[in-house]
Amino acid sequence: MSVKIRLQRHGKKGKPFFHIVAADSRSPRDGKFIERIGSYNPNTNPATIVLNNERALTWLNNGAQPTDTARAILSYSGVMMRQHLAKGVAKGALTQEEADKRLAAWTADKQAKIQGKIDRLAGEKKDALNKTLKHERAVNEARLKAMTEAAAAASAVVESAPAAEEAPAAEEAPAAEAPAAEAPAEGGEA
């Protein structure tokens, strides 16, 4: 039986989520598997990888062949580096202490790169938010200025208009009183 370490797709359309599994190469992609080793979520930035490194290393040492994507994930998480260093120790090229030091240095460097990416993304997000807020502030100030100018123009029109409006108002008032005076005279004739 040929064993592969591969990805098994889950999630919904447009939002994939993968399980990293050891499976028989003849089984379907999302079908039966031997062991679930971890998970991979490409929807987050940086991608989230949860992996049981010991079990993955055991499967690699037992002859399981990773697919290209699974190999990249195993390499990213340090499993391939551990296997490489273990082969060097088995051949006598280096001691176990040297291999542990190299793995620790590699892991620290990898974590620093990941943290640097997280910090950079957080900084970019903060800068984009500040830029958006600055733009909104400028737009709101422009609207306020336009509204103030419109209100000032309307008040200037209203101040010049009352002198012209007072004369017609005076003419209308006596006309309204005249019919009221005639009303009692009509009521007395009936």
C-alpha atoms as a PDB file:
ATOM      1  CA  MET A   1       0.000   0.000   0.000  1.00  0.00           C
ATOM      2  CA  SER A   2       1.401   3.394  -1.027  1.00  0.00           C
ATOM      3  CA  VAL A   3       0.790   6.067   1.628  1.00  0.00           C
ATOM      4  CA  LYS A   4       0.582   9.752   0.781  1.00  0.00           C
ATOM      5  CA  ILE A   5       0.524  12.765   3.052  1.00  0.00           C
ATOM      6  CA  ARG A   6      -1.977  15.059   1.392  1.00  0.00           C
ATOM      7  CA  LEU A   7      -4.690  17.645   1.896  1.00  0.00           C
ATOM      8  CA  GLN A   8      -8.343  16.781   2.339  1.00  0.00           C
ATOM      9  CA  ARG A   9     -10.644  19.691   1.405  1.00  0.00           C
ATOM     10  CA  HIS A  10     -13.394  20.873   3.744  1.00  0.00           C
ATOM     11  CA  GLY A  11     -15.210  24.164   4.191  1.00  0.00           C
ATOM     12  CA  LYS A  12     -17.604  25.884   1.826  1.00  0.00           C
ATOM     13  CA  LYS A  13     -17.349  27.284  -1.670  1.00  0.00           C
ATOM     14  CA  GLY A  14     -14.782  30.079  -1.739  1.00  0.00           C
ATOM     15  CA  LYS A  15     -13.672  29.392   1.872  1.00  0.00           C
ATOM     16  CA  PRO A  16     -11.575  26.215   1.792  1.00  0.00           C
ATOM     17  CA  PHE A  17     -10.229  24.541   4.901  1.00  0.00           C
ATOM     18  CA  PHE A  18      -7.945  21.528   4.673  1.00  0.00           C
ATOM     19  CA  HIS A  19      -7.122  18.568   6.884  1.00  0.00           C
ATOM     20  CA  ILE A  20      -3.591  17.196   6.481  1.00  0.00           C
ATOM     21  CA  VAL A  21      -3.944  13.416   6.393  1.00  0.00           C
ATOM     22  CA  ALA A  22      -1.963  10.270   5.774  1.00  0.00           C
ATOM     23  CA  ALA A  23      -4.023   8.245   3.293  1.00  0.00           C
ATOM     24  CA  ASP A  24      -3.765   5.413   0.823  1.00  0.00           C
ATOM     25  CA  SER A  25      -2.888   6.904  -2.561  1.00  0.00           C
ATOM     26  CA  ARG A  26      -5.784   5.003  -4.184  1.00  0.00           C
ATOM     27  CA  SER A  27      -8.489   6.501  -1.952  1.00  0.00           C
ATOM     28  CA  PRO A  28     -10.470   9.557  -3.108  1.00  0.00           C
ATOM     29  CA  ARG A  29      -9.288  13.043  -2.148  1.00  0.00           C
ATOM     30  CA  ASP A  30     -11.961  13.585   0.496  1.00  0.00           C
ATOM     31  CA  GLY A  31     -12.469   9.907   1.231  1.00  0.00           C
ATOM     32  CA  LYS A  32     -11.076   7.402   3.686  1.00  0.00           C
ATOM     33  CA  PHE A  33      -7.763   8.192   5.375  1.00  0.00           C
ATOM     34  CA  ILE A  34      -5.451   6.432   7.808  1.00  0.00           C
ATOM     35  CA  GLU A  35      -4.632   9.268  10.205  1.00  0.00           C
ATOM     36  CA  ARG A  36      -5.341  12.982  10.485  1.00  0.00           C
ATOM     37  CA  ILE A  37      -2.039  14.767  11.149  1.00  0.00           C
ATOM     38  CA  GLY A  38      -3.170  18.392  11.239  1.00  0.00           C
ATOM     39  CA  SER A  39      -5.059  21.202   9.539  1.00  0.00           C
ATOM     40  CA  TYR A  40      -4.347  24.084   7.177  1.00  0.00           C
ATOM     41  CA  ASN A  41      -6.463  27.248   6.882  1.00  0.00           C
ATOM     42  CA  PRO A  42      -5.434  29.468   3.934  1.00  0.00           C
ATOM     43  CA  ASN A  43      -8.202  32.011   4.663  1.00  0.00           C
ATOM     44  CA  THR A  44      -6.196  33.741   7.397  1.00  0.00           C
ATOM     45  CA  ASN A  45      -3.161  35.920   6.757  1.00  0.00           C
ATOM     46  CA  PRO A  46      -0.645  34.422   7.416  1.00  0.00           C
ATOM     47  CA  ALA A  47      -2.160  30.990   6.839  1.00  0.00           C
ATOM     48  CA  THR A  48      -2.887  28.958   9.969  1.00  0.00           C
ATOM     49  CA  ILE A  49      -1.147  25.590  10.166  1.00  0.00           C
ATOM     50  CA  VAL A  50      -1.782  23.201  13.053  1.00  0.00           C
ATOM     51  CA  LEU A  51       0.382  20.117  12.685  1.00  0.00           C
ATOM     52  CA  ASN A  52       1.418  17.178  14.860  1.00  0.00           C
ATOM     53  CA  ASN A  53       5.111  17.279  13.938  1.00  0.00           C
ATOM     54  CA  GLU A  54       5.956  13.972  15.629  1.00  0.00           C
ATOM     55  CA  ARG A  55       3.301  12.002  13.726  1.00  0.00           C
ATOM     56  CA  ALA A  56       4.208  13.690  10.428  1.00  0.00           C
ATOM     57  CA  LEU A  57       7.888  12.824  10.957  1.00  0.00           C
ATOM     58  CA  THR A  58       6.961   9.239  11.814  1.00  0.00           C
ATOM     59  CA  TRP A  59       4.958   8.898   8.604  1.00  0.00           C
ATOM     60  CA  LEU A  60       7.801  10.397   6.544  1.00  0.00           C
ATOM     61  CA  ASN A  61      10.308   8.022   8.113  1.00  0.00           C
ATOM     62  CA  ASN A  62       7.981   5.092   7.358  1.00  0.00           C
ATOM     63  CA  GLY A  63       7.968   5.979   3.659  1.00  0.00           C
ATOM     64  CA  ALA A  64       4.914   8.175   3.187  1.00  0.00           C
ATOM     65  CA  GLN A  65       5.300  10.534   0.221  1.00  0.00           C
ATOM     66  CA  PRO A  66       3.919  14.065   0.635  1.00  0.00           C
ATOM     67  CA  THR A  67       2.202  15.800  -2.250  1.00  0.00           C
ATOM     68  CA  ASP A  68       3.741  19.071  -3.462  1.00  0.00           C
ATOM     69  CA  THR A  69       1.474  21.257  -1.334  1.00  0.00           C
ATOM     70  CA  ALA A  70       1.804  18.999   1.700  1.00  0.00           C
ATOM     71  CA  ARG A  71       5.604  19.050   1.270  1.00  0.00           C
ATOM     72  CA  ALA A  72       5.542  22.875   1.274  1.00  0.00           C
ATOM     73  CA  ILE A  73       3.444  22.879   4.458  1.00  0.00           C
ATOM     74  CA  LEU A  74       5.717  20.322   6.142  1.00  0.00           C
ATOM     75  CA  SER A  75       8.748  22.366   5.127  1.00  0.00           C
ATOM     76  CA  TYR A  76       7.160  25.558   6.439  1.00  0.00           C
ATOM     77  CA  SER A  77       6.466  23.945   9.805  1.00  0.00           C
ATOM     78  CA  GLY A  78       9.979  22.451  10.121  1.00  0.00           C
ATOM     79  CA  VAL A  79       9.201  18.751   9.721  1.00  0.00           C
ATOM     80  CA  MET A  80      11.335  18.404   6.588  1.00  0.00           C
ATOM     81  CA  MET A  81      14.236  20.166   8.352  1.00  0.00           C
ATOM     82  CA  ARG A  82      13.952  17.748  11.279  1.00  0.00           C
ATOM     83  CA  GLN A  83      13.994  14.775   8.896  1.00  0.00           C
ATOM     84  CA  HIS A  84      17.016  16.191   7.074  1.00  0.00           C
ATOM     85  CA  LEU A  85      18.926  16.731  10.331  1.00  0.00           C
ATOM     86  CA  ALA A  86      17.954  13.249  11.599  1.00  0.00           C
ATOM     87  CA  LYS A  87      19.454  11.719   8.438  1.00  0.00           C
ATOM     88  CA  GLY A  88      22.653  13.710   9.058  1.00  0.00           C
ATOM     89  CA  VAL A  89      22.840  12.392  12.624  1.00  0.00           C
ATOM     90  CA  ALA A  90      22.218   8.820  11.416  1.00  0.00           C
ATOM     91  CA  LYS A  91      25.086   9.115   8.913  1.00  0.00           C
ATOM     92  CA  GLY A  92      27.392  10.580  11.553  1.00  0.00           C
ATOM     93  CA  ALA A  93      27.843  13.889   9.761  1.00  0.00           C
ATOM     94  CA  LEU A  94      26.816  15.809  12.900  1.00  0.00           C
ATOM     95  CA  THR A  95      25.921  15.129  16.511  1.00  0.00           C
ATOM     96  CA  GLN A  96      22.452  15.274  18.005  1.00  0.00           C
ATOM     97  CA  GLU A  97      23.375  18.447  19.951  1.00  0.00           C
ATOM     98  CA  GLU A  98      24.473  20.198  16.745  1.00  0.00           C
ATOM     99  CA  ALA A  99      21.273  19.097  15.025  1.00  0.00           C
ATOM    100  CA  ASP A 100      19.197  20.434  17.924  1.00  0.00           C
ATOM    101  CA  LYS A 101      21.052  23.786  17.807  1.00  0.00           C
ATOM    102  CA  ARG A 102      20.505  24.092  14.049  1.00  0.00           C
ATOM    103  CA  LEU A 103      16.824  23.225  14.397  1.00  0.00           C
ATOM    104  CA  ALA A 104      16.402  25.746  17.243  1.00  0.00           C
ATOM    105  CA  ALA A 105      18.130  28.465  15.193  1.00  0.00           C
ATOM    106  CA  TRP A 106      16.010  27.655  12.139  1.00  0.00           C
ATOM    107  CA  THR A 107      12.817  27.669  14.221  1.00  0.00           C
ATOM    108  CA  ALA A 108      13.690  30.999  15.864  1.00  0.00           C
ATOM    109  CA  ASP A 109      14.431  32.553  12.463  1.00  0.00           C
ATOM    110  CA  LYS A 110      11.150  31.214  11.038  1.00  0.00           C
ATOM    111  CA  GLN A 111       9.147  32.532  14.005  1.00  0.00           C
ATOM    112  CA  ALA A 112      10.821  35.944  13.636  1.00  0.00           C
ATOM    113  CA  LYS A 113       9.815  36.054   9.954  1.00  0.00           C
ATOM    114  CA  ILE A 114       6.234  35.082  10.768  1.00  0.00           C
ATOM    115  CA  GLN A 115       6.006  37.666  13.556  1.00  0.00           C
ATOM    116  CA  GLY A 116       7.511  40.274  11.225  1.00  0.00           C
ATOM    117  CA  LYS A 117       4.798  39.561   8.663  1.00  0.00           C
ATOM    118  CA  ILE A 118       2.085  39.774  11.321  1.00  0.00           C
ATOM    119  CA  ASP A 119       3.474  43.106  12.559  1.00  0.00           C
ATOM    120  CA  ARG A 120       3.765  44.457   9.010  1.00  0.00           C
ATOM    121  CA  LEU A 121       0.172  43.495   8.202  1.00  0.00           C
ATOM    122  CA  ALA A 122      -1.064  45.067  11.441  1.00  0.00           C
ATOM    123  CA  GLY A 123       0.857  48.270  10.622  1.00  0.00           C
ATOM    124  CA  GLU A 124      -0.565  48.370   7.092  1.00  0.00           C
ATOM    125  CA  LYS A 125      -4.070  47.863   8.458  1.00  0.00           C
ATOM    126  CA  LYS A 126      -3.569  50.688  10.967  1.00  0.00           C
ATOM    127  CA  ASP A 127      -2.167  52.999   8.260  1.00  0.00           C
ATOM    128  CA  ALA A 128      -5.113  52.238   5.965  1.00  0.00           C
ATOM    129  CA  LEU A 129      -7.541  52.998   8.791  1.00  0.00           C
ATOM    130  CA  ASN A 130      -5.786  56.290   9.569  1.00  0.00           C
ATOM    131  CA  LYS A 131      -5.823  57.237   5.879  1.00  0.00           C
ATOM    132  CA  THR A 132      -9.541  56.453   5.643  1.00  0.00           C
ATOM    133  CA  LEU A 133     -10.320  58.480   8.767  1.00  0.00           C
ATOM    134  CA  LYS A 134      -8.263  61.423   7.486  1.00  0.00           C
ATOM    135  CA  HIS A 135     -10.133  61.316   4.156  1.00  0.00           C
ATOM    136  CA  GLU A 136     -13.497  61.152   5.942  1.00  0.00           C
ATOM    137  CA  ARG A 137     -12.514  64.100   8.133  1.00  0.00           C
ATOM    138  CA  ALA A 138     -11.595  66.152   5.040  1.00  0.00           C
ATOM    139  CA  VAL A 139     -14.882  65.267   3.316  1.00  0.00           C
ATOM    140  CA  ASN A 140     -16.888  66.141   6.435  1.00  0.00           C
ATOM    141  CA  GLU A 141     -15.080  69.481   6.791  1.00  0.00           C
ATOM    142  CA  ALA A 142     -15.793  70.282   3.126  1.00  0.00           C
ATOM    143  CA  ARG A 143     -19.482  69.447   3.627  1.00  0.00           C
ATOM    144  CA  LEU A 144     -19.646  71.582   6.762  1.00  0.00           C
ATOM    145  CA  LYS A 145     -17.999  74.501   4.945  1.00  0.00           C
ATOM    146  CA  ALA A 146     -20.440  74.170   2.037  1.00  0.00           C
ATOM    147  CA  MET A 147     -23.415  74.037   4.421  1.00  0.00           C
ATOM    148  CA  THR A 148     -22.169  77.118   6.319  1.00  0.00           C
ATOM    149  CA  GLU A 149     -21.709  79.043   3.082  1.00  0.00           C
ATOM    150  CA  ALA A 150     -25.192  78.032   1.913  1.00  0.00           C
ATOM    151  CA  ALA A 151     -26.698  79.061   5.266  1.00  0.00           C
ATOM    152  CA  ALA A 152     -24.853  82.409   5.124  1.00  0.00           C
ATOM    153  CA  ALA A 153     -26.121  83.026   1.588  1.00  0.00           C
ATOM    154  CA  ALA A 154     -29.686  82.128   2.604  1.00  0.00           C
ATOM    155  CA  SER A 155     -29.556  84.451   5.634  1.00  0.00           C
ATOM    156  CA  ALA A 156     -28.264  87.277   3.427  1.00  0.00           C
ATOM    157  CA  VAL A 157     -31.228  86.760   1.071  1.00  0.00           C
ATOM    158  CA  VAL A 158     -33.644  86.689   4.027  1.00  0.00           C
ATOM    159  CA  GLU A 159     -32.196  89.937   5.492  1.00  0.00           C
ATOM    160  CA  SER A 160     -32.660  91.857   2.216  1.00  0.00           C
ATOM    161  CA  ALA A 161     -36.114  90.388   1.547  1.00  0.00           C
ATOM    162  CA  PRO A 162     -38.056  91.582   4.692  1.00  0.00           C
ATOM    163  CA  ALA A 163     -38.191  95.248   3.536  1.00  0.00           C
ATOM    164  CA  ALA A 164     -39.845  94.202   0.299  1.00  0.00           C
ATOM    165  CA  GLU A 165     -42.219  91.773   2.056  1.00  0.00           C
ATOM    166  CA  GLU A 166     -43.497  94.281   4.682  1.00  0.00           C
ATOM    167  CA  ALA A 167     -45.423  96.460   2.181  1.00  0.00           C
ATOM    168  CA  PRO A 168     -47.601  93.668   0.733  1.00  0.00           C
ATOM    169  CA  ALA A 169     -48.329  92.376   4.212  1.00  0.00           C
ATOM    170  CA  ALA A 170     -49.698  95.778   5.262  1.00  0.00           C
ATOM    171  CA  GLU A 171     -52.037  95.909   2.265  1.00  0.00           C
ATOM    172  CA  GLU A 172     -53.446  92.438   2.921  1.00  0.00           C
ATOM    173  CA  ALA A 173     -54.341  93.125   6.559  1.00  0.00           C
ATOM    174  CA  PRO A 174     -57.087  95.771   5.943  1.00  0.00           C
ATOM    175  CA  ALA A 175     -58.659  93.592   3.250  1.00  0.00           C
ATOM    176  CA  ALA A 176     -59.006  90.782   5.730  1.00  0.00           C
ATOM    177  CA  GLU A 177     -60.748  93.067   8.263  1.00  0.00           C
ATOM    178  CA  ALA A 178     -63.296  94.464   5.846  1.00  0.00           C
ATOM    179  CA  PRO A 179     -65.328  91.274   5.338  1.00  0.00           C
ATOM    180  CA  ALA A 180     -65.483  90.771   9.081  1.00  0.00           C
ATOM    181  CA  ALA A 181     -67.152  94.162   9.521  1.00  0.00           C
ATOM    182  CA  GLU A 182     -69.826  93.346   6.931  1.00  0.00           C
ATOM    183  CA  ALA A 183     -70.700  90.005   8.460  1.00  0.00           C
ATOM    184  CA  PRO A 184     -72.765  91.368  11.467  1.00  0.00           C
ATOM    185  CA  ALA A 185     -74.782  93.652   9.191  1.00  0.00           C
ATOM    186  CA  GLU A 186     -75.915  90.736   7.059  1.00  0.00           C
ATOM    187  CA  GLY A 187     -76.883  88.703  10.093  1.00  0.00           C
ATOM    188  CA  GLY A 188     -79.194  91.467  11.375  1.00  0.00           C
ATOM    189  CA  GLU A 189     -81.333  91.580   8.161  1.00  0.00           C
ATOM    190  CA  ALA A 190     -82.290  87.950   8.265  1.00  0.00           C
END
